[in-house]
Structures are given as C-alpha cells and as structure tokens.
Amino acid sequence: MHLITGATGIVGTRLMLELLLKGESVRALRRASSNLSWPERIFEFLGHSELFESIEWVEGDVTDVESLIQAMNGVRFVYHTAAVVSFHRRDIDVMFKVNVEGTANVVNVAASSGVEKVCHISSTAAVGRSESGQLVTEETEWKDSPLNSAYAITKRNAEREVFRSQVEGLQTVVINPSVIVGPGDRKRSSAVIFSKVDEGLKFYPLGANAFVGVKDVARAAILLMESATTGDR
C-alpha cells in the first residue's frame, strides 16, 4: 500500500495516477475541505477516469497525528507531497506548521508504524544559495541569508526533520524539483502562470527560473522509492 499526502495537489494527483498505472494500491490523505473534483478531472483529462475509483481516500491532515496513525496502518511506502507554498508574510505561521511540523509528524508516525520508506517532495528553494553566481547542486551548503524566503526556510527545516528520522532508522529519500508544471487547477500552485498569460501580461519581468514537468517528478519519485537509494537528496 502506498500513502500519498497532499493527494489533491498537482504532484499528489500525478503520483496517484502513475502508481495506479503500475497496478499499485493507493491510499490518499485528504483534508475535510479538499475538493476532489480537480484530481478527478485530471484523471479524466489524461484518459484514465476509471482508475480514480480505485483510490482509497482517508480524511486527515499532516498536522493531526492521530489521523496520520490511522492513515499509515498497513502502508509500505509514503510519498509526502503536502505543503503550503506562499511568499506572503501572512502565511508564514501556517507554512511553519504544515511544512515543518507536518513533515516531522509524517516521518515520526511512519517510523512508529513500520513504514518501509518515505519520499519527501522538497524544492530547489531548500538548496543552498550561490553568492558567486555559480550553479548550485544538492551538495551546495545551505547558508542563512536575508534573501532566503520564509518558504525556503520551511522547506529546508522540513528536510532536516526527514534526515533526522533517517538517522533514527527510517529509510528516506528527498527530491528537490524546481517550479512544477502540468495539468491542474489554474488558480492553484504553479498552474497560475498559465492563467496570468491567458489574462494578458502587462509587462515581461527580467530574470529566469527552472521548470519541470509533473510527470517527470512523479516518475522520479517512484523510481527512487523502488531503488536502494536512501538517506540522500
């Protein structure tokens, strides 16, 4: 059994589909307020609406330990995708609660529930910053900086919780995608980029970013979970 947190998000939805296509059993954690119409529409859009009925939905939240205990009963692999992505000051507290405390809850419960391995979906935001303009890698050392966003700090601290659990005996792997794009709700996550383009951009800002397709992220996560890789990002 595979458990996915953040199952209604862009990554969680694609992970469910890729696992179901492989014939795996999928349990999906959803909040009481979650709208299931979007993941269902994605399955339909990709031509696999019949697989959506195979998902075992469980109500819970990564900030609710008891719900995690129930959700992880009999689970072998956990894909932790649940997170709050925001660059607004008003969301700092909720990001720390969900991204950091929620991740700690996930790995703690996974360890005590006999879960074999956890894949944590992190972000390039959690990778160290280059002050010289050189390219950074997963080996780049994290440095505190006023340029680090609150989101980046929460994702970095979440990784520390994951690697702490690895030291304590849980098998884990972390992946750090850049901006993830793919079919989904254009009012949520990175898909809002396309909504802004459709509305007509009034200016073209300077700068650059990196993008990755959600299908590639999901398949990479599954390959890592099936591999012997552990304790790495």
Foldseek 3Di string as FASTA:
>chain_A
DEEEEPLQDPLNLLLLVVCVVVVHQYEYEDAPPDDNPWSLVVCVVVPRNVSVVRYHYAYDALLDLVSLLVRCAPAAEYEYDDADDDQDPVCLVVRLSRLQVSLLSNLVSCVVRVHAEYEYEAACLQFADDPVPDDGDNPHDHDDDPPRGSNNVSSNNSVVSVLVSVVVPHWYEYDHFWQEDDDTDCVDGPSVVVVCVVVPDPDDDDDDTDYDYSNVVSVVRVVCVPDPDTSYD
